[in-house]
PDB file of N, CA and C in Angstrom:
ATOM      1  N   UNK A   1     -22.225  -3.545   4.066  1.00  0.00           N
ATOM      2  CA  UNK A   1     -22.949  -3.978   5.255  1.00  0.00           C
ATOM      3  C   UNK A   1     -21.892  -4.161   6.319  1.00  0.00           C
ATOM      4  N   UNK A   2     -20.748  -4.760   6.021  1.00  0.00           N
ATOM      5  CA  UNK A   2     -19.686  -5.013   7.048  1.00  0.00           C
ATOM      6  C   UNK A   2     -19.167  -3.708   7.500  1.00  0.00           C
ATOM      7  N   UNK A   3     -18.991  -2.695   6.633  1.00  0.00           N
ATOM      8  CA  UNK A   3     -18.401  -1.454   6.943  1.00  0.00           C
ATOM      9  C   UNK A   3     -19.336  -0.718   7.881  1.00  0.00           C
ATOM     10  N   UNK A   4     -20.598  -0.844   7.624  1.00  0.00           N
ATOM     11  CA  UNK A   4     -21.604  -0.125   8.393  1.00  0.00           C
ATOM     12  C   UNK A   4     -21.719  -0.751   9.859  1.00  0.00           C
ATOM     13  N   UNK A   5     -21.633  -2.042   9.919  1.00  0.00           N
ATOM     14  CA  UNK A   5     -21.616  -2.663  11.150  1.00  0.00           C
ATOM     15  C   UNK A   5     -20.304  -2.283  12.023  1.00  0.00           C
ATOM     16  N   UNK A   6     -19.230  -2.345  11.317  1.00  0.00           N
ATOM     17  CA  UNK A   6     -17.996  -2.044  12.033  1.00  0.00           C
ATOM     18  C   UNK A   6     -17.875  -0.565  12.565  1.00  0.00           C
ATOM     19  N   UNK A   7     -18.479   0.260  11.755  1.00  0.00           N
ATOM     20  CA  UNK A   7     -18.378   1.728  11.982  1.00  0.00           C
ATOM     21  C   UNK A   7     -19.473   2.295  12.851  1.00  0.00           C
ATOM     22  N   UNK A   8     -20.765   1.698  12.616  1.00  0.00           N
ATOM     23  CA  UNK A   8     -21.856   2.406  13.218  1.00  0.00           C
ATOM     24  C   UNK A   8     -22.571   1.514  14.360  1.00  0.00           C
ATOM     25  N   UNK A   9     -22.263   0.347  14.444  1.00  0.00           N
ATOM     26  CA  UNK A   9     -22.944  -0.590  15.427  1.00  0.00           C
ATOM     27  C   UNK A   9     -21.976  -0.972  16.531  1.00  0.00           C
ATOM     28  N   UNK A  10     -20.800  -1.513  16.097  1.00  0.00           N
ATOM     29  CA  UNK A  10     -19.870  -2.101  17.068  1.00  0.00           C
ATOM     30  C   UNK A  10     -19.402  -1.074  18.032  1.00  0.00           C
ATOM     31  N   UNK A  11     -19.043   0.099  17.750  1.00  0.00           N
ATOM     32  CA  UNK A  11     -18.644   1.028  18.773  1.00  0.00           C
ATOM     33  C   UNK A  11     -19.705   1.321  19.896  1.00  0.00           C
ATOM     34  N   UNK A  12     -21.037   1.311  19.506  1.00  0.00           N
ATOM     35  CA  UNK A  12     -22.065   1.522  20.504  1.00  0.00           C
ATOM     36  C   UNK A  12     -22.285   0.296  21.404  1.00  0.00           C
ATOM     37  N   UNK A  13     -22.059  -0.925  20.782  1.00  0.00           N
ATOM     38  CA  UNK A  13     -22.214  -2.056  21.630  1.00  0.00           C
ATOM     39  C   UNK A  13     -21.077  -2.093  22.721  1.00  0.00           C
ATOM     40  N   UNK A  14     -19.818  -1.652  22.169  1.00  0.00           N
ATOM     41  CA  UNK A  14     -18.700  -1.703  23.071  1.00  0.00           C
ATOM     42  C   UNK A  14     -18.923  -0.624  24.204  1.00  0.00           C
ATOM     43  N   UNK A  15     -19.497   0.493  23.871  1.00  0.00           N
ATOM     44  CA  UNK A  15     -19.753   1.459  24.888  1.00  0.00           C
ATOM     45  C   UNK A  15     -20.961   1.056  25.827  1.00  0.00           C
ATOM     46  N   UNK A  16     -21.876   0.326  25.279  1.00  0.00           N
ATOM     47  CA  UNK A  16     -23.017  -0.174  26.104  1.00  0.00           C
ATOM     48  C   UNK A  16     -22.424  -1.208  27.096  1.00  0.00           C
ATOM     49  N   UNK A  17     -21.484  -1.965  26.618  1.00  0.00           N
ATOM     50  CA  UNK A  17     -20.935  -2.968  27.655  1.00  0.00           C
ATOM     51  C   UNK A  17     -20.172  -2.319  28.745  1.00  0.00           C
ATOM     52  N   UNK A  18     -19.694  -1.118  28.546  1.00  0.00           N
ATOM     53  CA  UNK A  18     -18.883  -0.343  29.560  1.00  0.00           C
ATOM     54  C   UNK A  18     -19.980   0.321  30.617  1.00  0.00           C
ATOM     55  N   UNK A  19     -21.159   0.468  30.195  1.00  0.00           N
ATOM     56  CA  UNK A  19     -22.135   1.207  31.087  1.00  0.00           C
ATOM     57  C   UNK A  19     -22.428   0.317  32.247  1.00  0.00           C
ATOM     58  N   UNK A  20     -23.000   0.930  33.276  1.00  0.00           N
ATOM     59  CA  UNK A  20     -23.273   0.286  34.582  1.00  0.00           C
ATOM     60  C   UNK A  20     -24.727  -0.294  34.331  1.00  0.00           C
ATOM     61  N   UNK A  21     -24.769  -1.590  33.895  1.00  0.00           N
ATOM     62  CA  UNK A  21     -26.006  -2.189  33.598  1.00  0.00           C
ATOM     63  C   UNK A  21     -25.996  -3.484  34.482  1.00  0.00           C
ATOM     64  N   UNK A  22     -27.159  -4.152  34.692  1.00  0.00           N
ATOM     65  CA  UNK A  22     -27.069  -5.324  35.547  1.00  0.00           C
ATOM     66  C   UNK A  22     -26.543  -6.460  34.798  1.00  0.00           C
ATOM     67  N   UNK A  23     -26.190  -7.595  35.501  1.00  0.00           N
ATOM     68  CA  UNK A  23     -25.413  -8.725  34.969  1.00  0.00           C
ATOM     69  C   UNK A  23     -26.197  -9.332  33.762  1.00  0.00           C
ATOM     70  N   UNK A  24     -27.509  -9.497  33.939  1.00  0.00           N
ATOM     71  CA  UNK A  24     -28.259 -10.008  32.627  1.00  0.00           C
ATOM     72  C   UNK A  24     -28.021  -9.278  31.479  1.00  0.00           C
ATOM     73  N   UNK A  25     -28.162  -8.032  31.574  1.00  0.00           N
ATOM     74  CA  UNK A  25     -28.083  -7.075  30.408  1.00  0.00           C
ATOM     75  C   UNK A  25     -26.591  -7.131  29.901  1.00  0.00           C
ATOM     76  N   UNK A  26     -25.737  -7.137  30.794  1.00  0.00           N
ATOM     77  CA  UNK A  26     -24.403  -7.164  30.386  1.00  0.00           C
ATOM     78  C   UNK A  26     -23.921  -8.535  29.620  1.00  0.00           C
ATOM     79  N   UNK A  27     -24.590  -9.562  30.046  1.00  0.00           N
ATOM     80  CA  UNK A  27     -24.415 -10.865  29.374  1.00  0.00           C
ATOM     81  C   UNK A  27     -25.041 -10.842  27.973  1.00  0.00           C
ATOM     82  N   UNK A  28     -26.184 -10.231  27.806  1.00  0.00           N
ATOM     83  CA  UNK A  28     -26.817 -10.145  26.514  1.00  0.00           C
ATOM     84  C   UNK A  28     -25.932  -9.293  25.617  1.00  0.00           C
ATOM     85  N   UNK A  29     -25.415  -8.209  26.156  1.00  0.00           N
ATOM     86  CA  UNK A  29     -24.592  -7.295  25.276  1.00  0.00           C
ATOM     87  C   UNK A  29     -23.367  -8.069  24.849  1.00  0.00           C
ATOM     88  N   UNK A  30     -22.761  -8.925  25.704  1.00  0.00           N
ATOM     89  CA  UNK A  30     -21.561  -9.706  25.210  1.00  0.00           C
ATOM     90  C   UNK A  30     -21.955 -10.712  24.138  1.00  0.00           C
ATOM     91  N   UNK A  31     -23.159 -11.412  24.316  1.00  0.00           N
ATOM     92  CA  UNK A  31     -23.642 -12.315  23.328  1.00  0.00           C
ATOM     93  C   UNK A  31     -23.842 -11.633  21.982  1.00  0.00           C
ATOM     94  N   UNK A  32     -24.452 -10.433  22.052  1.00  0.00           N
ATOM     95  CA  UNK A  32     -24.612  -9.698  20.789  1.00  0.00           C
ATOM     96  C   UNK A  32     -23.308  -9.382  20.117  1.00  0.00           C
ATOM     97  N   UNK A  33     -22.476  -8.885  20.905  1.00  0.00           N
ATOM     98  CA  UNK A  33     -21.093  -8.485  20.362  1.00  0.00           C
ATOM     99  C   UNK A  33     -20.374  -9.671  19.839  1.00  0.00           C
ATOM    100  N   UNK A  34     -20.445 -10.781  20.497  1.00  0.00           N
ATOM    101  CA  UNK A  34     -19.717 -11.985  19.923  1.00  0.00           C
ATOM    102  C   UNK A  34     -20.388 -12.533  18.642  1.00  0.00           C
ATOM    103  N   UNK A  35     -21.677 -12.452  18.608  1.00  0.00           N
ATOM    104  CA  UNK A  35     -22.421 -12.906  17.419  1.00  0.00           C
ATOM    105  C   UNK A  35     -22.076 -12.056  16.228  1.00  0.00           C
ATOM    106  N   UNK A  36     -22.125 -10.668  16.525  1.00  0.00           N
ATOM    107  CA  UNK A  36     -21.766  -9.722  15.419  1.00  0.00           C
ATOM    108  C   UNK A  36     -20.369  -9.979  14.904  1.00  0.00           C
ATOM    109  N   UNK A  37     -19.415 -10.097  15.826  1.00  0.00           N
ATOM    110  CA  UNK A  37     -18.051 -10.358  15.544  1.00  0.00           C
ATOM    111  C   UNK A  37     -17.911 -11.632  14.628  1.00  0.00           C
ATOM    112  N   UNK A  38     -18.649 -12.623  15.051  1.00  0.00           N
ATOM    113  CA  UNK A  38     -18.646 -13.948  14.217  1.00  0.00           C
ATOM    114  C   UNK A  38     -19.149 -13.694  12.800  1.00  0.00           C
ATOM    115  N   UNK A  39     -20.157 -12.857  12.611  1.00  0.00           N
ATOM    116  CA  UNK A  39     -20.792 -12.588  11.376  1.00  0.00           C
ATOM    117  C   UNK A  39     -19.780 -11.795  10.509  1.00  0.00           C
ATOM    118  N   UNK A  40     -19.143 -10.778  11.103  1.00  0.00           N
ATOM    119  CA  UNK A  40     -18.192  -9.954  10.484  1.00  0.00           C
ATOM    120  C   UNK A  40     -16.947 -10.718  10.020  1.00  0.00           C
ATOM    121  N   UNK A  41     -16.513 -11.642  10.896  1.00  0.00           N
ATOM    122  CA  UNK A  41     -15.349 -12.471  10.603  1.00  0.00           C
ATOM    123  C   UNK A  41     -15.614 -13.434   9.545  1.00  0.00           C
ATOM    124  N   UNK A  42     -16.804 -13.985   9.385  1.00  0.00           N
ATOM    125  CA  UNK A  42     -17.173 -14.952   8.355  1.00  0.00           C
ATOM    126  C   UNK A  42     -17.178 -14.236   6.991  1.00  0.00           C
ATOM    127  N   UNK A  43     -17.702 -13.072   6.895  1.00  0.00           N
ATOM    128  CA  UNK A  43     -17.625 -12.238   5.628  1.00  0.00           C
ATOM    129  C   UNK A  43     -16.359 -11.688   5.322  1.00  0.00           C
ATOM    130  N   UNK A  44     -15.552 -11.389   6.325  1.00  0.00           N
ATOM    131  CA  UNK A  44     -14.300 -10.706   6.041  1.00  0.00           C
ATOM    132  C   UNK A  44     -13.143 -11.786   5.697  1.00  0.00           C
ATOM    133  N   UNK A  45     -13.496 -12.959   5.520  1.00  0.00           N
ATOM    134  CA  UNK A  45     -12.492 -14.006   5.151  1.00  0.00           C
ATOM    135  C   UNK A  45     -12.202 -13.836   3.537  1.00  0.00           C
ATOM    136  N   UNK A  46     -13.144 -13.271   2.834  1.00  0.00           N
ATOM    137  CA  UNK A  46     -12.942 -12.977   1.466  1.00  0.00           C
ATOM    138  C   UNK A  46     -12.095 -11.711   1.162  1.00  0.00           C
ATOM    139  N   UNK A  47     -11.653 -11.606   0.026  1.00  0.00           N
ATOM    140  CA  UNK A  47     -10.773 -10.522  -0.415  1.00  0.00           C
ATOM    141  C   UNK A  47     -11.393  -9.130  -0.197  1.00  0.00           C
ATOM    142  N   UNK A  48     -12.657  -9.095  -0.410  1.00  0.00           N
ATOM    143  CA  UNK A  48     -13.384  -7.738  -0.186  1.00  0.00           C
ATOM    144  C   UNK A  48     -13.338  -7.174   1.192  1.00  0.00           C
ATOM    145  N   UNK A  49     -12.868  -8.040   2.136  1.00  0.00           N
ATOM    146  CA  UNK A  49     -12.844  -7.555   3.503  1.00  0.00           C
ATOM    147  C   UNK A  49     -11.896  -6.391   3.639  1.00  0.00           C
ATOM    148  N   UNK A  50     -10.907  -6.290   2.755  1.00  0.00           N
ATOM    149  CA  UNK A  50     -10.026  -5.177   2.796  1.00  0.00           C
ATOM    150  C   UNK A  50     -10.661  -3.813   2.703  1.00  0.00           C
ATOM    151  N   UNK A  51     -11.870  -3.789   2.111  1.00  0.00           N
ATOM    152  CA  UNK A  51     -12.679  -2.559   2.044  1.00  0.00           C
ATOM    153  C   UNK A  51     -12.991  -2.046   3.417  1.00  0.00           C
ATOM    154  N   UNK A  52     -13.025  -2.896   4.442  1.00  0.00           N
ATOM    155  CA  UNK A  52     -13.352  -2.464   5.748  1.00  0.00           C
ATOM    156  C   UNK A  52     -12.499  -1.246   6.324  1.00  0.00           C
ATOM    157  N   UNK A  53     -11.294  -1.206   5.858  1.00  0.00           N
ATOM    158  CA  UNK A  53     -10.432  -0.151   6.349  1.00  0.00           C
ATOM    159  C   UNK A  53     -10.495   1.125   5.567  1.00  0.00           C
ATOM    160  N   UNK A  54     -11.194   1.047   4.522  1.00  0.00           N
ATOM    161  CA  UNK A  54     -11.262   2.183   3.580  1.00  0.00           C
ATOM    162  C   UNK A  54     -12.175   3.251   4.198  1.00  0.00           C
ATOM    163  N   UNK A  55     -11.828   4.540   3.938  1.00  0.00           N
ATOM    164  CA  UNK A  55     -12.714   5.681   4.279  1.00  0.00           C
ATOM    165  C   UNK A  55     -13.871   5.715   3.258  1.00  0.00           C
ATOM    166  N   UNK A  56     -14.967   6.406   3.552  1.00  0.00           N
ATOM    167  CA  UNK A  56     -16.068   6.422   2.627  1.00  0.00           C
ATOM    168  C   UNK A  56     -15.601   6.966   1.238  1.00  0.00           C
ATOM    169  N   UNK A  57     -14.784   7.977   1.201  1.00  0.00           N
ATOM    170  CA  UNK A  57     -14.229   8.467  -0.029  1.00  0.00           C
ATOM    171  C   UNK A  57     -13.462   7.450  -0.801  1.00  0.00           C
ATOM    172  N   UNK A  58     -12.570   6.687  -0.066  1.00  0.00           N
ATOM    173  CA  UNK A  58     -11.734   5.736  -0.685  1.00  0.00           C
ATOM    174  C   UNK A  58     -12.669   4.555  -1.290  1.00  0.00           C
ATOM    175  N   UNK A  59     -13.756   4.296  -0.592  1.00  0.00           N
ATOM    176  CA  UNK A  59     -14.709   3.212  -1.186  1.00  0.00           C
ATOM    177  C   UNK A  59     -15.444   3.713  -2.462  1.00  0.00           C
ATOM    178  N   UNK A  60     -15.730   4.978  -2.456  1.00  0.00           N
ATOM    179  CA  UNK A  60     -16.326   5.603  -3.719  1.00  0.00           C
ATOM    180  C   UNK A  60     -15.277   5.611  -4.804  1.00  0.00           C
ATOM    181  N   UNK A  61     -14.077   5.966  -4.543  1.00  0.00           N
ATOM    182  CA  UNK A  61     -13.057   6.139  -5.662  1.00  0.00           C
ATOM    183  C   UNK A  61     -12.751   4.695  -6.084  1.00  0.00           C
ATOM    184  N   UNK A  62     -12.608   3.688  -5.121  1.00  0.00           N
ATOM    185  CA  UNK A  62     -12.361   2.426  -5.520  1.00  0.00           C
ATOM    186  C   UNK A  62     -13.413   1.806  -6.481  1.00  0.00           C
ATOM    187  N   UNK A  63     -14.663   2.078  -6.179  1.00  0.00           N
ATOM    188  CA  UNK A  63     -15.745   1.612  -6.995  1.00  0.00           C
ATOM    189  C   UNK A  63     -15.679   2.312  -8.340  1.00  0.00           C
ATOM    190  N   UNK A  64     -15.263   3.594  -8.453  1.00  0.00           N
ATOM    191  CA  UNK A  64     -15.057   4.145  -9.801  1.00  0.00           C
ATOM    192  C   UNK A  64     -13.861   3.555 -10.516  1.00  0.00           C
ATOM    193  N   UNK A  65     -12.843   3.257  -9.835  1.00  0.00           N
ATOM    194  CA  UNK A  65     -11.641   2.580 -10.433  1.00  0.00           C
ATOM    195  C   UNK A  65     -12.039   1.255 -10.985  1.00  0.00           C
ATOM    196  N   UNK A  66     -12.746   0.503 -10.174  1.00  0.00           N
ATOM    197  CA  UNK A  66     -13.155  -0.766 -10.507  1.00  0.00           C
ATOM    198  C   UNK A  66     -14.114  -0.725 -11.759  1.00  0.00           C
ATOM    199  N   UNK A  67     -14.780   0.295 -11.964  1.00  0.00           N
ATOM    200  CA  UNK A  67     -15.774   0.396 -13.129  1.00  0.00           C
ATOM    201  C   UNK A  67     -15.014   0.936 -14.305  1.00  0.00           C
ATOM    202  N   UNK A  68     -13.776   1.295 -14.139  1.00  0.00           N
ATOM    203  CA  UNK A  68     -12.906   1.646 -15.366  1.00  0.00           C
ATOM    204  C   UNK A  68     -12.761   3.141 -15.502  1.00  0.00           C
ATOM    205  N   UNK A  69     -13.128   4.036 -14.585  1.00  0.00           N
ATOM    206  CA  UNK A  69     -12.943   5.404 -14.658  1.00  0.00           C
ATOM    207  C   UNK A  69     -11.487   5.742 -14.477  1.00  0.00           C
ATOM    208  N   UNK A  70     -11.006   6.773 -15.188  1.00  0.00           N
ATOM    209  CA  UNK A  70      -9.694   7.240 -14.893  1.00  0.00           C
ATOM    210  C   UNK A  70      -9.678   8.380 -13.786  1.00  0.00           C
ATOM    211  N   UNK A  71      -8.533   8.921 -13.428  1.00  0.00           N
ATOM    212  CA  UNK A  71      -8.394   9.878 -12.354  1.00  0.00           C
ATOM    213  C   UNK A  71      -9.174  11.132 -12.625  1.00  0.00           C
ATOM    214  N   UNK A  72      -9.042  11.676 -13.955  1.00  0.00           N
ATOM    215  CA  UNK A  72      -9.725  12.833 -14.277  1.00  0.00           C
ATOM    216  C   UNK A  72     -11.279  12.746 -14.276  1.00  0.00           C
ATOM    217  N   UNK A  73     -11.774  11.598 -14.800  1.00  0.00           N
ATOM    218  CA  UNK A  73     -13.230  11.353 -14.740  1.00  0.00           C
ATOM    219  C   UNK A  73     -13.690  11.245 -13.290  1.00  0.00           C
ATOM    220  N   UNK A  74     -12.957  10.619 -12.419  1.00  0.00           N
ATOM    221  CA  UNK A  74     -13.317  10.442 -11.009  1.00  0.00           C
ATOM    222  C   UNK A  74     -13.316  11.829 -10.346  1.00  0.00           C
ATOM    223  N   UNK A  75     -12.289  12.594 -10.616  1.00  0.00           N
ATOM    224  CA  UNK A  75     -12.195  13.946 -10.055  1.00  0.00           C
ATOM    225  C   UNK A  75     -13.406  14.858 -10.429  1.00  0.00           C
ATOM    226  N   UNK A  76     -13.780  14.690 -11.721  1.00  0.00           N
ATOM    227  CA  UNK A  76     -14.973  15.457 -12.136  1.00  0.00           C
ATOM    228  C   UNK A  76     -16.275  15.010 -11.475  1.00  0.00           C
ATOM    229  N   UNK A  77     -16.399  13.700 -11.356  1.00  0.00           N
ATOM    230  CA  UNK A  77     -17.678  13.150 -10.770  1.00  0.00           C
ATOM    231  C   UNK A  77     -17.703  13.524  -9.327  1.00  0.00           C
ATOM    232  N   UNK A  78     -16.604  13.544  -8.641  1.00  0.00           N
ATOM    233  CA  UNK A  78     -16.749  13.782  -7.192  1.00  0.00           C
ATOM    234  C   UNK A  78     -16.391  15.279  -6.792  1.00  0.00           C
ATOM    235  N   UNK A  79     -16.142  15.983  -7.755  1.00  0.00           N
ATOM    236  CA  UNK A  79     -15.884  17.497  -7.504  1.00  0.00           C
ATOM    237  C   UNK A  79     -14.625  17.699  -6.770  1.00  0.00           C
ATOM    238  N   UNK A  80     -13.700  16.969  -7.042  1.00  0.00           N
ATOM    239  CA  UNK A  80     -12.325  17.279  -6.411  1.00  0.00           C
ATOM    240  C   UNK A  80     -11.163  17.315  -7.403  1.00  0.00           C
ATOM    241  N   UNK A  81     -10.117  17.720  -7.092  1.00  0.00           N
ATOM    242  CA  UNK A  81      -8.954  17.815  -7.937  1.00  0.00           C
ATOM    243  C   UNK A  81      -8.320  16.409  -8.211  1.00  0.00           C
ATOM    244  N   UNK A  82      -7.704  16.300  -9.382  1.00  0.00           N
ATOM    245  CA  UNK A  82      -7.128  15.025  -9.755  1.00  0.00           C
ATOM    246  C   UNK A  82      -6.039  14.618  -8.793  1.00  0.00           C
ATOM    247  N   UNK A  83      -5.306  15.632  -8.162  1.00  0.00           N
ATOM    248  CA  UNK A  83      -4.291  15.275  -7.286  1.00  0.00           C
ATOM    249  C   UNK A  83      -4.906  14.605  -5.963  1.00  0.00           C
ATOM    250  N   UNK A  84      -6.117  15.069  -5.621  1.00  0.00           N
ATOM    251  CA  UNK A  84      -6.777  14.538  -4.521  1.00  0.00           C
ATOM    252  C   UNK A  84      -7.123  13.070  -4.753  1.00  0.00           C
ATOM    253  N   UNK A  85      -7.606  12.833  -6.009  1.00  0.00           N
ATOM    254  CA  UNK A  85      -7.933  11.459  -6.377  1.00  0.00           C
ATOM    255  C   UNK A  85      -6.681  10.618  -6.346  1.00  0.00           C
ATOM    256  N   UNK A  86      -5.537  11.114  -6.849  1.00  0.00           N
ATOM    257  CA  UNK A  86      -4.331  10.372  -6.810  1.00  0.00           C
ATOM    258  C   UNK A  86      -3.898  10.066  -5.461  1.00  0.00           C
ATOM    259  N   UNK A  87      -4.014  10.992  -4.527  1.00  0.00           N
ATOM    260  CA  UNK A  87      -3.716  10.803  -3.087  1.00  0.00           C
ATOM    261  C   UNK A  87      -4.522   9.617  -2.505  1.00  0.00           C
ATOM    262  N   UNK A  88      -5.793   9.573  -2.917  1.00  0.00           N
ATOM    263  CA  UNK A  88      -6.637   8.543  -2.382  1.00  0.00           C
ATOM    264  C   UNK A  88      -6.327   7.267  -3.071  1.00  0.00           C
ATOM    265  N   UNK A  89      -5.965   7.226  -4.350  1.00  0.00           N
ATOM    266  CA  UNK A  89      -5.455   6.054  -4.989  1.00  0.00           C
ATOM    267  C   UNK A  89      -4.280   5.526  -4.378  1.00  0.00           C
ATOM    268  N   UNK A  90      -3.381   6.308  -3.938  1.00  0.00           N
ATOM    269  CA  UNK A  90      -2.121   5.889  -3.280  1.00  0.00           C
ATOM    270  C   UNK A  90      -2.524   5.173  -1.907  1.00  0.00           C
ATOM    271  N   UNK A  91      -3.461   5.837  -1.203  1.00  0.00           N
ATOM    272  CA  UNK A  91      -3.875   5.271   0.061  1.00  0.00           C
ATOM    273  C   UNK A  91      -4.525   3.897  -0.168  1.00  0.00           C
ATOM    274  N   UNK A  92      -5.374   3.792  -1.150  1.00  0.00           N
ATOM    275  CA  UNK A  92      -5.983   2.570  -1.504  1.00  0.00           C
ATOM    276  C   UNK A  92      -4.943   1.467  -1.750  1.00  0.00           C
ATOM    277  N   UNK A  93      -4.027   1.775  -2.697  1.00  0.00           N
ATOM    278  CA  UNK A  93      -2.926   0.837  -2.953  1.00  0.00           C
ATOM    279  C   UNK A  93      -2.204   0.365  -1.657  1.00  0.00           C
ATOM    280  N   UNK A  94      -1.930   1.389  -0.825  1.00  0.00           N
ATOM    281  CA  UNK A  94      -1.258   1.122   0.396  1.00  0.00           C
ATOM    282  C   UNK A  94      -2.103   0.168   1.269  1.00  0.00           C
ATOM    283  N   UNK A  95      -3.324   0.363   1.402  1.00  0.00           N
ATOM    284  CA  UNK A  95      -4.188  -0.375   2.271  1.00  0.00           C
ATOM    285  C   UNK A  95      -4.399  -1.802   1.704  1.00  0.00           C
ATOM    286  N   UNK A  96      -4.355  -2.004   0.446  1.00  0.00           N
ATOM    287  CA  UNK A  96      -4.450  -3.214  -0.233  1.00  0.00           C
ATOM    288  C   UNK A  96      -3.082  -3.975  -0.342  1.00  0.00           C
ATOM    289  N   UNK A  97      -1.959  -3.327   0.102  1.00  0.00           N
ATOM    290  CA  UNK A  97      -0.689  -3.996   0.028  1.00  0.00           C
ATOM    291  C   UNK A  97      -0.158  -3.994  -1.365  1.00  0.00           C
ATOM    292  N   UNK A  98      -0.482  -3.021  -2.168  1.00  0.00           N
ATOM    293  CA  UNK A  98      -0.011  -2.996  -3.504  1.00  0.00           C
ATOM    294  C   UNK A  98       1.155  -1.958  -3.838  1.00  0.00           C
ATOM    295  N   UNK A  99       1.625  -1.325  -2.763  1.00  0.00           N
ATOM    296  CA  UNK A  99       2.739  -0.289  -2.921  1.00  0.00           C
ATOM    297  C   UNK A  99       3.961  -1.043  -3.365  1.00  0.00           C
ATOM    298  N   UNK A 100       4.603  -0.450  -4.393  1.00  0.00           N
ATOM    299  CA  UNK A 100       5.824  -1.030  -5.019  1.00  0.00           C
ATOM    300  C   UNK A 100       5.673  -2.332  -5.691  1.00  0.00           C
ATOM    301  N   UNK A 101       4.397  -2.640  -6.075  1.00  0.00           N
ATOM    302  CA  UNK A 101       4.100  -3.897  -6.809  1.00  0.00           C
ATOM    303  C   UNK A 101       3.607  -3.500  -8.201  1.00  0.00           C
ATOM    304  N   UNK A 102       3.914  -4.310  -9.216  1.00  0.00           N
ATOM    305  CA  UNK A 102       3.485  -3.989 -10.495  1.00  0.00           C
ATOM    306  C   UNK A 102       2.121  -4.780 -10.709  1.00  0.00           C
ATOM    307  N   UNK A 103       1.109  -4.243  -9.959  1.00  0.00           N
ATOM    308  CA  UNK A 103      -0.298  -4.734 -10.221  1.00  0.00           C
ATOM    309  C   UNK A 103      -1.178  -3.581 -10.510  1.00  0.00           C
ATOM    310  N   UNK A 104      -2.010  -3.766 -11.529  1.00  0.00           N
ATOM    311  CA  UNK A 104      -2.909  -2.791 -11.941  1.00  0.00           C
ATOM    312  C   UNK A 104      -4.000  -2.632 -10.908  1.00  0.00           C
ATOM    313  N   UNK A 105      -4.247  -1.474 -10.459  1.00  0.00           N
ATOM    314  CA  UNK A 105      -5.293  -1.271  -9.398  1.00  0.00           C
ATOM    315  C   UNK A 105      -6.663  -1.620  -9.918  1.00  0.00           C
ATOM    316  N   UNK A 106      -7.100  -1.289 -11.202  1.00  0.00           N
ATOM    317  CA  UNK A 106      -8.355  -1.632 -11.743  1.00  0.00           C
ATOM    318  C   UNK A 106      -8.543  -3.157 -11.771  1.00  0.00           C
ATOM    319  N   UNK A 107      -7.579  -3.819 -12.230  1.00  0.00           N
ATOM    320  CA  UNK A 107      -7.566  -5.283 -12.375  1.00  0.00           C
ATOM    321  C   UNK A 107      -7.716  -5.950 -10.979  1.00  0.00           C
ATOM    322  N   UNK A 108      -6.958  -5.446 -10.026  1.00  0.00           N
ATOM    323  CA  UNK A 108      -7.018  -6.036  -8.640  1.00  0.00           C
ATOM    324  C   UNK A 108      -8.343  -5.870  -8.032  1.00  0.00           C
ATOM    325  N   UNK A 109      -8.848  -4.545  -8.195  1.00  0.00           N
ATOM    326  CA  UNK A 109     -10.189  -4.295  -7.553  1.00  0.00           C
ATOM    327  C   UNK A 109     -11.240  -5.048  -8.159  1.00  0.00           C
ATOM    328  N   UNK A 110     -11.176  -5.252  -9.481  1.00  0.00           N
ATOM    329  CA  UNK A 110     -12.091  -6.064 -10.267  1.00  0.00           C
ATOM    330  C   UNK A 110     -12.176  -7.534  -9.719  1.00  0.00           C
ATOM    331  N   UNK A 111     -10.953  -8.087  -9.370  1.00  0.00           N
ATOM    332  CA  UNK A 111     -10.827  -9.432  -8.940  1.00  0.00           C
ATOM    333  C   UNK A 111     -11.465  -9.597  -7.564  1.00  0.00           C
ATOM    334  N   UNK A 112     -11.598  -8.572  -6.808  1.00  0.00           N
ATOM    335  CA  UNK A 112     -12.197  -8.678  -5.486  1.00  0.00           C
ATOM    336  C   UNK A 112     -13.578  -9.234  -5.495  1.00  0.00           C
ATOM    337  N   UNK A 113     -14.336  -9.028  -6.573  1.00  0.00           N
ATOM    338  CA  UNK A 113     -15.729  -9.317  -6.616  1.00  0.00           C
ATOM    339  C   UNK A 113     -16.003 -10.749  -7.174  1.00  0.00           C
ATOM    340  N   UNK A 114     -14.890 -11.380  -7.605  1.00  0.00           N
ATOM    341  CA  UNK A 114     -14.999 -12.748  -8.126  1.00  0.00           C
ATOM    342  C   UNK A 114     -15.181 -13.831  -7.018  1.00  0.00           C
TER     343      UNK A 114
END
């Protein structure tokens, strides 16, 4: 839900605020934007907020990794090459701050739901 709010709702609210609308409408837009930002920030305090920066493909791959699938299985399920899955795994590790750290990606992703 947070990903959808951030990607599909917030940009339009920001654009709406830039439009030439009357002062009352502009005030309501700012209130909506502030309230949505508060909602997003409350949910994003947990570890799973790091998913907000993932691309849709990275979210799908991360979900497969968390469920225990290996690279070959994920590649077969998503119809991509294993090297593409490896590339996305690298990006996921980078976005989670796990580069050059001896942490198992499956274990780390599983701990995000706790």
